Amino acid sequence: MKVIALCADYGYLDKAETAIKSILYNNQYVKIYLLNCDIPQEWFVNINQYVNQIGSEVIDAKFDHGILNDSQGPRPGINEMDLLDF
């Protein structure tokens, strides 16, 4: 099984969905961790109804939004999610 980590917030969910669709169109048996702080659990339930049919899974990997407070903060054109340092 392949493992992939993506990071997005609710405002970028449409872009995350596009990335997930592309990944799953070209691969099977993928576990995708979606790091987020505000995507509703219901979204994960709905998407996994389809994704599980091809042996894959999208996991809700919540993190504390407070860890972003230590960063330099967003700048024009840069979302605070882009500042995550792994």
PDB file of N, CA and C in Angstrom:
ATOM      1  N   MET A   1       0.843  -1.186   0.000  1.00  0.00           N
ATOM      2  CA  MET A   1       0.000   0.000   0.000  1.00  0.00           C
ATOM      3  C   MET A   1       0.882   1.241   0.000  1.00  0.00           C
ATOM      4  N   LYS A   2       0.532   2.191  -0.834  1.00  0.00           N
ATOM      5  CA  LYS A   2       1.236   3.475  -0.882  1.00  0.00           C
ATOM      6  C   LYS A   2       0.629   4.409   0.158  1.00  0.00           C
ATOM      7  N   VAL A   3       1.460   5.253   0.760  1.00  0.00           N
ATOM      8  CA  VAL A   3       1.010   6.225   1.749  1.00  0.00           C
ATOM      9  C   VAL A   3       1.400   7.617   1.278  1.00  0.00           C
ATOM     10  N   ILE A   4       0.416   8.527   1.298  1.00  0.00           N
ATOM     11  CA  ILE A   4       0.628   9.902   0.844  1.00  0.00           C
ATOM     12  C   ILE A   4       0.070  10.846   1.899  1.00  0.00           C
ATOM     13  N   ALA A   5       0.743  11.951   2.131  1.00  0.00           N
ATOM     14  CA  ALA A   5       0.258  12.985   3.052  1.00  0.00           C
ATOM     15  C   ALA A   5       0.000  14.266   2.269  1.00  0.00           C
ATOM     16  N   LEU A   6      -1.186  14.823   2.465  1.00  0.00           N
ATOM     17  CA  LEU A   6      -1.557  16.108   1.888  1.00  0.00           C
ATOM     18  C   LEU A   6      -1.948  17.029   3.033  1.00  0.00           C
ATOM     19  N   CYS A   7      -1.856  18.319   2.797  1.00  0.00           N
ATOM     20  CA  CYS A   7      -2.234  19.290   3.814  1.00  0.00           C
ATOM     21  C   CYS A   7      -3.126  20.342   3.157  1.00  0.00           C
ATOM     22  N   ALA A   8      -4.283  20.579   3.774  1.00  0.00           N
ATOM     23  CA  ALA A   8      -5.214  21.574   3.235  1.00  0.00           C
ATOM     24  C   ALA A   8      -6.138  22.031   4.344  1.00  0.00           C
ATOM     25  N   ASP A   9      -6.755  23.188   4.132  1.00  0.00           N
ATOM     26  CA  ASP A   9      -7.815  23.610   5.027  1.00  0.00           C
ATOM     27  C   ASP A   9      -9.108  23.647   4.214  1.00  0.00           C
ATOM     28  N   TYR A  10     -10.203  23.985   4.867  1.00  0.00           N
ATOM     29  CA  TYR A  10     -11.502  23.940   4.203  1.00  0.00           C
ATOM     30  C   TYR A  10     -11.535  24.829   2.960  1.00  0.00           C
ATOM     31  N   GLY A  11     -10.815  25.934   3.001  1.00  0.00           N
ATOM     32  CA  GLY A  11     -10.777  26.841   1.859  1.00  0.00           C
ATOM     33  C   GLY A  11     -10.072  26.264   0.639  1.00  0.00           C
ATOM     34  N   TYR A  12      -9.251  25.264   0.833  1.00  0.00           N
ATOM     35  CA  TYR A  12      -8.522  24.629  -0.264  1.00  0.00           C
ATOM     36  C   TYR A  12      -9.026  23.220  -0.531  1.00  0.00           C
ATOM     37  N   LEU A  13     -10.194  22.882   0.014  1.00  0.00           N
ATOM     38  CA  LEU A  13     -10.705  21.524  -0.106  1.00  0.00           C
ATOM     39  C   LEU A  13     -10.931  21.111  -1.549  1.00  0.00           C
ATOM     40  N   ASP A  14     -11.390  22.034  -2.390  1.00  0.00           N
ATOM     41  CA  ASP A  14     -11.601  21.683  -3.796  1.00  0.00           C
ATOM     42  C   ASP A  14     -10.290  21.295  -4.479  1.00  0.00           C
ATOM     43  N   LYS A  15      -9.207  21.947  -4.113  1.00  0.00           N
ATOM     44  CA  LYS A  15      -7.899  21.612  -4.685  1.00  0.00           C
ATOM     45  C   LYS A  15      -7.397  20.276  -4.145  1.00  0.00           C
ATOM     46  N   ALA A  16      -7.643  20.021  -2.865  1.00  0.00           N
ATOM     47  CA  ALA A  16      -7.266  18.730  -2.278  1.00  0.00           C
ATOM     48  C   ALA A  16      -8.057  17.606  -2.937  1.00  0.00           C
ATOM     49  N   GLU A  17      -9.344  17.839  -3.190  1.00  0.00           N
ATOM     50  CA  GLU A  17     -10.165  16.829  -3.863  1.00  0.00           C
ATOM     51  C   GLU A  17      -9.624  16.515  -5.252  1.00  0.00           C
ATOM     52  N   THR A  18      -9.206  17.535  -5.975  1.00  0.00           N
ATOM     53  CA  THR A  18      -8.639  17.331  -7.306  1.00  0.00           C
ATOM     54  C   THR A  18      -7.369  16.496  -7.223  1.00  0.00           C
ATOM     55  N   ALA A  19      -6.506  16.793  -6.256  1.00  0.00           N
ATOM     56  CA  ALA A  19      -5.273  16.019  -6.078  1.00  0.00           C
ATOM     57  C   ALA A  19      -5.596  14.571  -5.717  1.00  0.00           C
ATOM     58  N   ILE A  20      -6.553  14.376  -4.829  1.00  0.00           N
ATOM     59  CA  ILE A  20      -6.935  13.020  -4.415  1.00  0.00           C
ATOM     60  C   ILE A  20      -7.511  12.242  -5.599  1.00  0.00           C
ATOM     61  N   LYS A  21      -8.370  12.876  -6.383  1.00  0.00           N
ATOM     62  CA  LYS A  21      -8.939  12.208  -7.561  1.00  0.00           C
ATOM     63  C   LYS A  21      -7.843  11.805  -8.543  1.00  0.00           C
ATOM     64  N   SER A  22      -6.875  12.677  -8.751  1.00  0.00           N
ATOM     65  CA  SER A  22      -5.774  12.365  -9.659  1.00  0.00           C
ATOM     66  C   SER A  22      -4.939  11.198  -9.137  1.00  0.00           C
ATOM     67  N   ILE A  23      -4.642  11.231  -7.862  1.00  0.00           N
ATOM     68  CA  ILE A  23      -3.867  10.137  -7.252  1.00  0.00           C
ATOM     69  C   ILE A  23      -4.596   8.811  -7.419  1.00  0.00           C
ATOM     70  N   LEU A  24      -5.893   8.809  -7.106  1.00  0.00           N
ATOM     71  CA  LEU A  24      -6.653   7.563  -7.127  1.00  0.00           C
ATOM     72  C   LEU A  24      -6.996   7.101  -8.536  1.00  0.00           C
ATOM     73  N   TYR A  25      -7.044   8.021  -9.477  1.00  0.00           N
ATOM     74  CA  TYR A  25      -7.271   7.628 -10.868  1.00  0.00           C
ATOM     75  C   TYR A  25      -6.087   6.818 -11.395  1.00  0.00           C
ATOM     76  N   ASN A  26      -4.903   7.155 -10.910  1.00  0.00           N
ATOM     77  CA  ASN A  26      -3.682   6.520 -11.397  1.00  0.00           C
ATOM     78  C   ASN A  26      -3.121   5.444 -10.470  1.00  0.00           C
ATOM     79  N   ASN A  27      -3.739   5.224  -9.303  1.00  0.00           N
ATOM     80  CA  ASN A  27      -3.216   4.266  -8.325  1.00  0.00           C
ATOM     81  C   ASN A  27      -4.362   3.581  -7.598  1.00  0.00           C
ATOM     82  N   GLN A  28      -4.078   2.383  -7.117  1.00  0.00           N
ATOM     83  CA  GLN A  28      -4.995   1.675  -6.223  1.00  0.00           C
ATOM     84  C   GLN A  28      -4.256   1.386  -4.939  1.00  0.00           C
ATOM     85  N   TYR A  29      -4.998   1.048  -3.914  1.00  0.00           N
ATOM     86  CA  TYR A  29      -4.423   0.686  -2.620  1.00  0.00           C
ATOM     87  C   TYR A  29      -3.522   1.798  -2.082  1.00  0.00           C
ATOM     88  N   VAL A  30      -4.139   2.963  -1.902  1.00  0.00           N
ATOM     89  CA  VAL A  30      -3.431   4.141  -1.408  1.00  0.00           C
ATOM     90  C   VAL A  30      -4.074   4.585  -0.093  1.00  0.00           C
ATOM     91  N   LYS A  31      -3.244   4.926   0.861  1.00  0.00           N
ATOM     92  CA  LYS A  31      -3.723   5.520   2.115  1.00  0.00           C
ATOM     93  C   LYS A  31      -3.281   6.975   2.091  1.00  0.00           C
ATOM     94  N   ILE A  32      -4.241   7.888   2.085  1.00  0.00           N
ATOM     95  CA  ILE A  32      -3.961   9.322   1.999  1.00  0.00           C
ATOM     96  C   ILE A  32      -4.305   9.971   3.335  1.00  0.00           C
ATOM     97  N   TYR A  33      -3.312  10.549   3.970  1.00  0.00           N
ATOM     98  CA  TYR A  33      -3.528  11.310   5.194  1.00  0.00           C
ATOM     99  C   TYR A  33      -3.737  12.766   4.800  1.00  0.00           C
ATOM    100  N   LEU A  34      -4.879  13.319   5.141  1.00  0.00           N
ATOM    101  CA  LEU A  34      -5.165  14.720   4.833  1.00  0.00           C
ATOM    102  C   LEU A  34      -5.035  15.529   6.115  1.00  0.00           C
ATOM    103  N   LEU A  35      -3.882  16.184   6.285  1.00  0.00           N
ATOM    104  CA  LEU A  35      -3.647  17.027   7.455  1.00  0.00           C
ATOM    105  C   LEU A  35      -4.513  18.266   7.335  1.00  0.00           C
ATOM    106  N   ASN A  36      -5.282  18.538   8.385  1.00  0.00           N
ATOM    107  CA  ASN A  36      -6.209  19.658   8.350  1.00  0.00           C
ATOM    108  C   ASN A  36      -6.612  20.029   9.757  1.00  0.00           C
ATOM    109  N   CYS A  37      -7.219  21.183   9.891  1.00  0.00           N
ATOM    110  CA  CYS A  37      -7.727  21.589  11.201  1.00  0.00           C
ATOM    111  C   CYS A  37      -9.214  21.928  11.159  1.00  0.00           C
ATOM    112  N   ASP A  38      -9.825  21.920   9.964  1.00  0.00           N
ATOM    113  CA  ASP A  38     -11.224  22.352   9.912  1.00  0.00           C
ATOM    114  C   ASP A  38     -12.103  21.659   8.875  1.00  0.00           C
ATOM    115  N   ILE A  39     -11.663  20.551   8.315  1.00  0.00           N
ATOM    116  CA  ILE A  39     -12.496  19.831   7.350  1.00  0.00           C
ATOM    117  C   ILE A  39     -13.434  18.911   8.126  1.00  0.00           C
ATOM    118  N   PRO A  40     -14.744  19.003   7.873  1.00  0.00           N
ATOM    119  CA  PRO A  40     -15.718  18.220   8.644  1.00  0.00           C
ATOM    120  C   PRO A  40     -15.533  16.707   8.465  1.00  0.00           C
ATOM    121  N   GLN A  41     -15.782  15.972   9.522  1.00  0.00           N
ATOM    122  CA  GLN A  41     -15.672  14.512   9.502  1.00  0.00           C
ATOM    123  C   GLN A  41     -16.607  13.912   8.451  1.00  0.00           C
ATOM    124  N   GLU A  42     -17.752  14.551   8.226  1.00  0.00           N
ATOM    125  CA  GLU A  42     -18.719  14.049   7.248  1.00  0.00           C
ATOM    126  C   GLU A  42     -18.119  13.982   5.843  1.00  0.00           C
ATOM    127  N   TRP A  43     -17.228  14.905   5.521  1.00  0.00           N
ATOM    128  CA  TRP A  43     -16.589  14.881   4.209  1.00  0.00           C
ATOM    129  C   TRP A  43     -15.776  13.603   4.051  1.00  0.00           C
ATOM    130  N   PHE A  44     -15.077  13.215   5.103  1.00  0.00           N
ATOM    131  CA  PHE A  44     -14.262  11.995   5.055  1.00  0.00           C
ATOM    132  C   PHE A  44     -15.137  10.753   4.935  1.00  0.00           C
ATOM    133  N   VAL A  45     -16.268  10.745   5.633  1.00  0.00           N
ATOM    134  CA  VAL A  45     -17.196   9.615   5.536  1.00  0.00           C
ATOM    135  C   VAL A  45     -17.689   9.486   4.101  1.00  0.00           C
ATOM    136  N   ASN A  46     -18.091  10.603   3.498  1.00  0.00           N
ATOM    137  CA  ASN A  46     -18.619  10.583   2.129  1.00  0.00           C
ATOM    138  C   ASN A  46     -17.573  10.149   1.116  1.00  0.00           C
ATOM    139  N   ILE A  47     -16.386  10.715   1.185  1.00  0.00           N
ATOM    140  CA  ILE A  47     -15.378  10.375   0.182  1.00  0.00           C
ATOM    141  C   ILE A  47     -14.913   8.927   0.332  1.00  0.00           C
ATOM    142  N   ASN A  48     -14.851   8.434   1.558  1.00  0.00           N
ATOM    143  CA  ASN A  48     -14.404   7.062   1.763  1.00  0.00           C
ATOM    144  C   ASN A  48     -15.419   6.032   1.277  1.00  0.00           C
ATOM    145  N   GLN A  49     -16.684   6.412   1.120  1.00  0.00           N
ATOM    146  CA  GLN A  49     -17.661   5.496   0.531  1.00  0.00           C
ATOM    147  C   GLN A  49     -17.239   5.097  -0.878  1.00  0.00           C
ATOM    148  N   TYR A  50     -16.619   6.008  -1.595  1.00  0.00           N
ATOM    149  CA  TYR A  50     -16.156   5.735  -2.951  1.00  0.00           C
ATOM    150  C   TYR A  50     -14.732   5.179  -2.963  1.00  0.00           C
ATOM    151  N   VAL A  51     -13.880   5.784  -2.178  1.00  0.00           N
ATOM    152  CA  VAL A  51     -12.461   5.442  -2.171  1.00  0.00           C
ATOM    153  C   VAL A  51     -12.231   4.014  -1.676  1.00  0.00           C
ATOM    154  N   ASN A  52     -13.009   3.577  -0.696  1.00  0.00           N
ATOM    155  CA  ASN A  52     -12.849   2.226  -0.155  1.00  0.00           C
ATOM    156  C   ASN A  52     -13.137   1.151  -1.197  1.00  0.00           C
ATOM    157  N   GLN A  53     -13.919   1.471  -2.209  1.00  0.00           N
ATOM    158  CA  GLN A  53     -14.249   0.499  -3.254  1.00  0.00           C
ATOM    159  C   GLN A  53     -13.036   0.093  -4.077  1.00  0.00           C
ATOM    160  N   ILE A  54     -11.998   0.920  -4.098  1.00  0.00           N
ATOM    161  CA  ILE A  54     -10.779   0.563  -4.841  1.00  0.00           C
ATOM    162  C   ILE A  54      -9.633   0.241  -3.892  1.00  0.00           C
ATOM    163  N   GLY A  55      -9.980  -0.082  -2.649  1.00  0.00           N
ATOM    164  CA  GLY A  55      -8.971  -0.509  -1.688  1.00  0.00           C
ATOM    165  C   GLY A  55      -8.132   0.615  -1.117  1.00  0.00           C
ATOM    166  N   SER A  56      -8.639   1.827  -1.163  1.00  0.00           N
ATOM    167  CA  SER A  56      -7.902   2.985  -0.665  1.00  0.00           C
ATOM    168  C   SER A  56      -8.650   3.634   0.493  1.00  0.00           C
ATOM    169  N   GLU A  57      -8.021   4.620   1.110  1.00  0.00           N
ATOM    170  CA  GLU A  57      -8.614   5.286   2.266  1.00  0.00           C
ATOM    171  C   GLU A  57      -8.073   6.707   2.376  1.00  0.00           C
ATOM    172  N   VAL A  58      -8.942   7.640   2.762  1.00  0.00           N
ATOM    173  CA  VAL A  58      -8.528   9.012   3.060  1.00  0.00           C
ATOM    174  C   VAL A  58      -8.745   9.214   4.559  1.00  0.00           C
ATOM    175  N   ILE A  59      -7.671   9.534   5.259  1.00  0.00           N
ATOM    176  CA  ILE A  59      -7.694   9.618   6.715  1.00  0.00           C
ATOM    177  C   ILE A  59      -7.697  11.068   7.172  1.00  0.00           C
ATOM    178  N   ASP A  60      -8.581  11.352   8.108  1.00  0.00           N
ATOM    179  CA  ASP A  60      -8.694  12.687   8.710  1.00  0.00           C
ATOM    180  C   ASP A  60      -7.587  12.843   9.744  1.00  0.00           C
ATOM    181  N   ALA A  61      -6.537  13.554   9.393  1.00  0.00           N
ATOM    182  CA  ALA A  61      -5.394  13.771  10.287  1.00  0.00           C
ATOM    183  C   ALA A  61      -5.459  15.200  10.825  1.00  0.00           C
ATOM    184  N   LYS A  62      -6.253  15.371  11.866  1.00  0.00           N
ATOM    185  CA  LYS A  62      -6.411  16.702  12.457  1.00  0.00           C
ATOM    186  C   LYS A  62      -5.146  17.106  13.212  1.00  0.00           C
ATOM    187  N   PHE A  63      -4.865  18.388  13.219  1.00  0.00           N
ATOM    188  CA  PHE A  63      -3.786  18.925  14.029  1.00  0.00           C
ATOM    189  C   PHE A  63      -4.264  20.207  14.675  1.00  0.00           C
ATOM    190  N   ASP A  64      -3.572  20.597  15.711  1.00  0.00           N
ATOM    191  CA  ASP A  64      -3.929  21.799  16.462  1.00  0.00           C
ATOM    192  C   ASP A  64      -3.516  23.033  15.673  1.00  0.00           C
ATOM    193  N   HIS A  65      -4.478  23.864  15.364  1.00  0.00           N
ATOM    194  CA  HIS A  65      -4.217  25.089  14.603  1.00  0.00           C
ATOM    195  C   HIS A  65      -3.215  25.992  15.322  1.00  0.00           C
ATOM    196  N   GLY A  66      -3.089  25.847  16.638  1.00  0.00           N
ATOM    197  CA  GLY A  66      -2.171  26.673  17.425  1.00  0.00           C
ATOM    198  C   GLY A  66      -0.710  26.493  17.062  1.00  0.00           C
ATOM    199  N   ILE A  67      -0.346  25.363  16.438  1.00  0.00           N
ATOM    200  CA  ILE A  67       1.064  25.189  16.064  1.00  0.00           C
ATOM    201  C   ILE A  67       1.489  26.176  14.997  1.00  0.00           C
ATOM    202  N   LEU A  68       0.520  26.758  14.306  1.00  0.00           N
ATOM    203  CA  LEU A  68       0.846  27.737  13.270  1.00  0.00           C
ATOM    204  C   LEU A  68       1.182  29.101  13.862  1.00  0.00           C
ATOM    205  N   ASN A  69       0.837  29.322  15.117  1.00  0.00           N
ATOM    206  CA  ASN A  69       1.093  30.619  15.741  1.00  0.00           C
ATOM    207  C   ASN A  69       2.578  30.913  15.894  1.00  0.00           C
ATOM    208  N   ASP A  70       3.409  29.875  15.922  1.00  0.00           N
ATOM    209  CA  ASP A  70       4.842  30.066  16.073  1.00  0.00           C
ATOM    210  C   ASP A  70       5.530  30.422  14.760  1.00  0.00           C
ATOM    211  N   SER A  71       4.815  30.301  13.653  1.00  0.00           N
ATOM    212  CA  SER A  71       5.415  30.601  12.355  1.00  0.00           C
ATOM    213  C   SER A  71       5.426  32.111  12.120  1.00  0.00           C
ATOM    214  N   GLN A  72       6.001  32.509  11.017  1.00  0.00           N
ATOM    215  CA  GLN A  72       6.118  33.929  10.690  1.00  0.00           C
ATOM    216  C   GLN A  72       4.767  34.557  10.352  1.00  0.00           C
ATOM    217  N   GLY A  73       3.781  33.727  10.091  1.00  0.00           N
ATOM    218  CA  GLY A  73       2.470  34.239   9.738  1.00  0.00           C
ATOM    219  C   GLY A  73       2.316  34.362   8.241  1.00  0.00           C
ATOM    220  N   PRO A  74       1.075  34.360   7.790  1.00  0.00           N
ATOM    221  CA  PRO A  74       0.840  34.421   6.352  1.00  0.00           C
ATOM    222  C   PRO A  74       1.258  35.755   5.756  1.00  0.00           C
ATOM    223  N   ARG A  75       1.673  35.686   4.540  1.00  0.00           N
ATOM    224  CA  ARG A  75       2.018  36.882   3.779  1.00  0.00           C
ATOM    225  C   ARG A  75       1.050  36.971   2.605  1.00  0.00           C
ATOM    226  N   PRO A  76       0.974  38.074   1.951  1.00  0.00           N
ATOM    227  CA  PRO A  76       0.041  38.186   0.824  1.00  0.00           C
ATOM    228  C   PRO A  76       0.266  37.070  -0.197  1.00  0.00           C
ATOM    229  N   GLY A  77      -0.809  36.377  -0.544  1.00  0.00           N
ATOM    230  CA  GLY A  77      -0.738  35.299  -1.522  1.00  0.00           C
ATOM    231  C   GLY A  77      -0.290  33.964  -0.960  1.00  0.00           C
ATOM    232  N   ILE A  78       0.002  33.899   0.346  1.00  0.00           N
ATOM    233  CA  ILE A  78       0.449  32.652   0.954  1.00  0.00           C
ATOM    234  C   ILE A  78      -0.511  32.289   2.078  1.00  0.00           C
ATOM    235  N   ASN A  79      -1.090  31.115   1.990  1.00  0.00           N
ATOM    236  CA  ASN A  79      -2.001  30.625   3.014  1.00  0.00           C
ATOM    237  C   ASN A  79      -1.185  30.130   4.192  1.00  0.00           C
ATOM    238  N   GLU A  80      -1.701  30.262   5.407  1.00  0.00           N
ATOM    239  CA  GLU A  80      -0.956  29.827   6.588  1.00  0.00           C
ATOM    240  C   GLU A  80      -0.674  28.327   6.562  1.00  0.00           C
ATOM    241  N   MET A  81      -1.471  27.545   5.842  1.00  0.00           N
ATOM    242  CA  MET A  81      -1.210  26.110   5.735  1.00  0.00           C
ATOM    243  C   MET A  81       0.082  25.840   4.964  1.00  0.00           C
ATOM    244  N   ASP A  82       0.485  26.780   4.107  1.00  0.00           N
ATOM    245  CA  ASP A  82       1.720  26.624   3.351  1.00  0.00           C
ATOM    246  C   ASP A  82       2.942  26.755   4.243  1.00  0.00           C
ATOM    247  N   LEU A  83       2.769  27.284   5.445  1.00  0.00           N
ATOM    248  CA  LEU A  83       3.887  27.537   6.335  1.00  0.00           C
ATOM    249  C   LEU A  83       4.220  26.366   7.242  1.00  0.00           C
ATOM    250  N   LEU A  84       3.434  25.275   7.150  1.00  0.00           N
ATOM    251  CA  LEU A  84       3.711  24.106   7.976  1.00  0.00           C
ATOM    252  C   LEU A  84       5.099  23.584   7.667  1.00  0.00           C
ATOM    253  N   ASP A  85       5.848  23.296   8.693  1.00  0.00           N
ATOM    254  CA  ASP A  85       7.205  22.788   8.535  1.00  0.00           C
ATOM    255  C   ASP A  85       7.234  21.366   9.079  1.00  0.00           C
ATOM    256  N   PHE A  86       7.477  20.417   8.197  1.00  0.00           N
ATOM    257  CA  PHE A  86       7.501  19.022   8.627  1.00  0.00           C
ATOM    258  C   PHE A  86       8.901  18.671   8.978  1.00  0.00           C
TER     259      PHE A  86
END
